[in-house]
Structure formats: C-alpha cells, structure tokens
C-alpha cells in the first residue's frame, strides 16, 4: 500500500506539471498582466515583500511567482492578497486583461 501511495503522489505531481504546461498563450498573457497589476498595487503602497507577507499570509516566494506571471493564484489567495493590500478583491482583478474574450482562449 505504501508503494501505491508513492505512485499516486507522483501521478498527481505529473498532472499538475502537465496542467501548467497546457495553459494557452492568452492565459499566459492574463497571468502576466495580473502579475504586473499586483506588483503595481504593492509598489504604490511601498510595501516590502516582508510586510506584504505579514499582512496577507501569502508566502513571499509565491507573491514573486504571481508578480512574474509564473503561476495562477487560487480564489482564496486572491482574497488574501487583497487583504494584504487593504483593498477589495474586485480592485485586484480590475486590470486590462490584454485579450479579446469574445474570440475564446485558443
């Protein structure tokens, strides 16, 4: 049973990796734009990564990944980031996505 458990974790890790690789080019653009917006909001408040972490509870390494558009935050993380910035989550999502939604994500 222990070997089965290891296999399941490996399968899950592979799925997560593959899922991240399957992000469309348009989705990558949105992640980059979100990251730029997040960084801009943080810098406007002159927040250090340490202070932002204290306010939000979001790991500094993860904040940097979001700012660089390397990964997508969960809904809960978006709420935590907004709390750290002392703004409403809708303000965090109020940016130019840079894509035409009517054309789909392909």
C-alpha atoms as a PDB file:
ATOM      1  CA  UNK A   1       0.000   0.000   0.000  1.00  0.00           C
ATOM      2  CA  UNK A   2       2.887   2.364   0.720  1.00  0.00           C
ATOM      3  CA  UNK A   3       4.186   1.920  -2.854  1.00  0.00           C
ATOM      4  CA  UNK A   4       0.706   2.706  -4.214  1.00  0.00           C
ATOM      5  CA  UNK A   5       0.702   5.911  -2.189  1.00  0.00           C
ATOM      6  CA  UNK A   6       4.015   6.982  -3.733  1.00  0.00           C
ATOM      7  CA  UNK A   7       2.671   6.261  -7.205  1.00  0.00           C
ATOM      8  CA  UNK A   8      -0.424   8.350  -6.574  1.00  0.00           C
ATOM      9  CA  UNK A   9       1.631  11.329  -5.400  1.00  0.00           C
ATOM     10  CA  UNK A  10       3.873  11.033  -8.462  1.00  0.00           C
ATOM     11  CA  UNK A  11       0.838  10.859 -10.752  1.00  0.00           C
ATOM     12  CA  UNK A  12      -0.649  13.913  -9.105  1.00  0.00           C
ATOM     13  CA  UNK A  13       2.635  15.826  -9.418  1.00  0.00           C
ATOM     14  CA  UNK A  14       2.853  14.906 -13.111  1.00  0.00           C
ATOM     15  CA  UNK A  15      -0.737  16.028 -13.659  1.00  0.00           C
ATOM     16  CA  UNK A  16      -0.070  19.385 -12.013  1.00  0.00           C
ATOM     17  CA  UNK A  17       3.057  19.880 -14.142  1.00  0.00           C
ATOM     18  CA  UNK A  18       1.224  18.923 -17.327  1.00  0.00           C
ATOM     19  CA  UNK A  19      -1.707  21.160 -16.404  1.00  0.00           C
ATOM     20  CA  UNK A  20       0.590  24.165 -16.035  1.00  0.00           C
ATOM     21  CA  UNK A  21       2.170  23.415 -19.408  1.00  0.00           C
ATOM     22  CA  UNK A  22      -1.251  23.326 -21.082  1.00  0.00           C
ATOM     23  CA  UNK A  23      -2.027  26.967 -20.339  1.00  0.00           C
ATOM     24  CA  UNK A  24      -2.922  28.780 -23.553  1.00  0.00           C
ATOM     25  CA  UNK A  25      -0.935  31.754 -24.796  1.00  0.00           C
ATOM     26  CA  UNK A  26      -3.865  34.036 -23.984  1.00  0.00           C
ATOM     27  CA  UNK A  27      -3.993  32.696 -20.435  1.00  0.00           C
ATOM     28  CA  UNK A  28      -0.269  33.366 -20.087  1.00  0.00           C
ATOM     29  CA  UNK A  29      -0.904  36.957 -21.150  1.00  0.00           C
ATOM     30  CA  UNK A  30      -3.596  37.322 -18.488  1.00  0.00           C
ATOM     31  CA  UNK A  31      -1.291  35.875 -15.804  1.00  0.00           C
ATOM     32  CA  UNK A  32       1.462  38.320 -16.792  1.00  0.00           C
ATOM     33  CA  UNK A  33      -0.960  41.251 -16.733  1.00  0.00           C
ATOM     34  CA  UNK A  34      -2.331  40.178 -13.345  1.00  0.00           C
ATOM     35  CA  UNK A  35       1.222  39.971 -12.008  1.00  0.00           C
ATOM     36  CA  UNK A  36       2.089  43.429 -13.290  1.00  0.00           C
ATOM     37  CA  UNK A  37      -1.062  44.821 -11.688  1.00  0.00           C
ATOM     38  CA  UNK A  38      -0.365  43.080  -8.378  1.00  0.00           C
ATOM     39  CA  UNK A  39       3.187  44.423  -8.317  1.00  0.00           C
ATOM     40  CA  UNK A  40       1.999  47.924  -9.183  1.00  0.00           C
ATOM     41  CA  UNK A  41      -0.539  47.902  -6.334  1.00  0.00           C
ATOM     42  CA  UNK A  42       2.116  46.663  -3.910  1.00  0.00           C
ATOM     43  CA  UNK A  43       4.638  49.278  -5.027  1.00  0.00           C
ATOM     44  CA  UNK A  44       2.082  52.124  -4.814  1.00  0.00           C
ATOM     45  CA  UNK A  45       1.742  51.297  -1.127  1.00  0.00           C
ATOM     46  CA  UNK A  46       5.529  50.976  -0.804  1.00  0.00           C
ATOM     47  CA  UNK A  47       5.084  47.507   0.690  1.00  0.00           C
ATOM     48  CA  UNK A  48       8.116  45.310   1.099  1.00  0.00           C
ATOM     49  CA  UNK A  49       7.692  41.601   0.452  1.00  0.00           C
ATOM     50  CA  UNK A  50       8.098  41.015   4.175  1.00  0.00           C
ATOM     51  CA  UNK A  51       5.325  43.457   5.083  1.00  0.00           C
ATOM     52  CA  UNK A  52       3.059  42.101   2.338  1.00  0.00           C
ATOM     53  CA  UNK A  53       3.605  38.587   3.694  1.00  0.00           C
ATOM     54  CA  UNK A  54       2.750  39.757   7.226  1.00  0.00           C
ATOM     55  CA  UNK A  55      -0.455  41.383   6.037  1.00  0.00           C
ATOM     56  CA  UNK A  56      -1.604  38.662   3.641  1.00  0.00           C
ATOM     57  CA  UNK A  57      -0.112  35.425   4.936  1.00  0.00           C
ATOM     58  CA  UNK A  58       0.946  34.630   1.349  1.00  0.00           C
ATOM     59  CA  UNK A  59       4.480  33.273   1.083  1.00  0.00           C
ATOM     60  CA  UNK A  60       6.966  35.742  -0.416  1.00  0.00           C
ATOM     61  CA  UNK A  61       8.120  33.192  -2.997  1.00  0.00           C
ATOM     62  CA  UNK A  62       4.524  32.741  -4.140  1.00  0.00           C
ATOM     63  CA  UNK A  63       3.973  36.500  -4.338  1.00  0.00           C
ATOM     64  CA  UNK A  64       7.010  36.765  -6.626  1.00  0.00           C
ATOM     65  CA  UNK A  65       5.646  33.937  -8.815  1.00  0.00           C
ATOM     66  CA  UNK A  66       2.299  35.744  -9.119  1.00  0.00           C
ATOM     67  CA  UNK A  67       4.049  39.029  -9.957  1.00  0.00           C
ATOM     68  CA  UNK A  68       6.071  37.284 -12.664  1.00  0.00           C
ATOM     69  CA  UNK A  69       3.020  35.548 -14.126  1.00  0.00           C
ATOM     70  CA  UNK A  70       4.531  32.139 -13.409  1.00  0.00           C
ATOM     71  CA  UNK A  71       1.513  30.695 -11.637  1.00  0.00           C
ATOM     72  CA  UNK A  72      -2.151  31.394 -11.070  1.00  0.00           C
ATOM     73  CA  UNK A  73      -3.403  32.211  -7.567  1.00  0.00           C
ATOM     74  CA  UNK A  74      -6.434  30.409  -6.169  1.00  0.00           C
ATOM     75  CA  UNK A  75      -9.567  32.308  -5.234  1.00  0.00           C
ATOM     76  CA  UNK A  76      -8.599  32.157  -1.544  1.00  0.00           C
ATOM     77  CA  UNK A  77      -5.140  33.509  -2.371  1.00  0.00           C
ATOM     78  CA  UNK A  78      -6.684  36.392  -4.324  1.00  0.00           C
ATOM     79  CA  UNK A  79      -8.703  37.254  -1.219  1.00  0.00           C
ATOM     80  CA  UNK A  80      -5.573  37.074   0.953  1.00  0.00           C
ATOM     81  CA  UNK A  81      -3.624  39.266  -1.462  1.00  0.00           C
ATOM     82  CA  UNK A  82      -6.457  41.815  -1.411  1.00  0.00           C
ATOM     83  CA  UNK A  83      -6.472  41.768   2.397  1.00  0.00           C
ATOM     84  CA  UNK A  84      -2.709  42.329   2.361  1.00  0.00           C
ATOM     85  CA  UNK A  85      -3.201  45.321   0.074  1.00  0.00           C
ATOM     86  CA  UNK A  86      -6.210  46.525   2.115  1.00  0.00           C
ATOM     87  CA  UNK A  87      -8.378  46.624  -0.999  1.00  0.00           C
ATOM     88  CA  UNK A  88     -11.480  44.791  -2.206  1.00  0.00           C
ATOM     89  CA  UNK A  89     -10.713  41.693  -4.340  1.00  0.00           C
ATOM     90  CA  UNK A  90     -12.514  43.295  -7.300  1.00  0.00           C
ATOM     91  CA  UNK A  91      -9.860  46.036  -7.321  1.00  0.00           C
ATOM     92  CA  UNK A  92      -7.176  43.382  -7.528  1.00  0.00           C
ATOM     93  CA  UNK A  93      -8.938  41.943 -10.585  1.00  0.00           C
ATOM     94  CA  UNK A  94      -9.594  45.341 -12.183  1.00  0.00           C
ATOM     95  CA  UNK A  95      -6.888  45.474 -14.842  1.00  0.00           C
ATOM     96  CA  UNK A  96      -6.555  45.276 -18.622  1.00  0.00           C
ATOM     97  CA  UNK A  97      -6.521  41.543 -19.319  1.00  0.00           C
ATOM     98  CA  UNK A  98      -4.991  42.166 -22.737  1.00  0.00           C
ATOM     99  CA  UNK A  99      -7.127  39.648 -24.611  1.00  0.00           C
ATOM    100  CA  UNK A 100     -10.375  39.583 -26.580  1.00  0.00           C
ATOM    101  CA  UNK A 101     -12.692  37.303 -24.611  1.00  0.00           C
ATOM    102  CA  UNK A 102     -15.179  37.051 -27.487  1.00  0.00           C
ATOM    103  CA  UNK A 103     -12.541  35.170 -29.505  1.00  0.00           C
ATOM    104  CA  UNK A 104     -12.126  32.420 -26.885  1.00  0.00           C
ATOM    105  CA  UNK A 105      -8.872  31.319 -25.285  1.00  0.00           C
ATOM    106  CA  UNK A 106      -7.245  29.470 -28.184  1.00  0.00           C
END
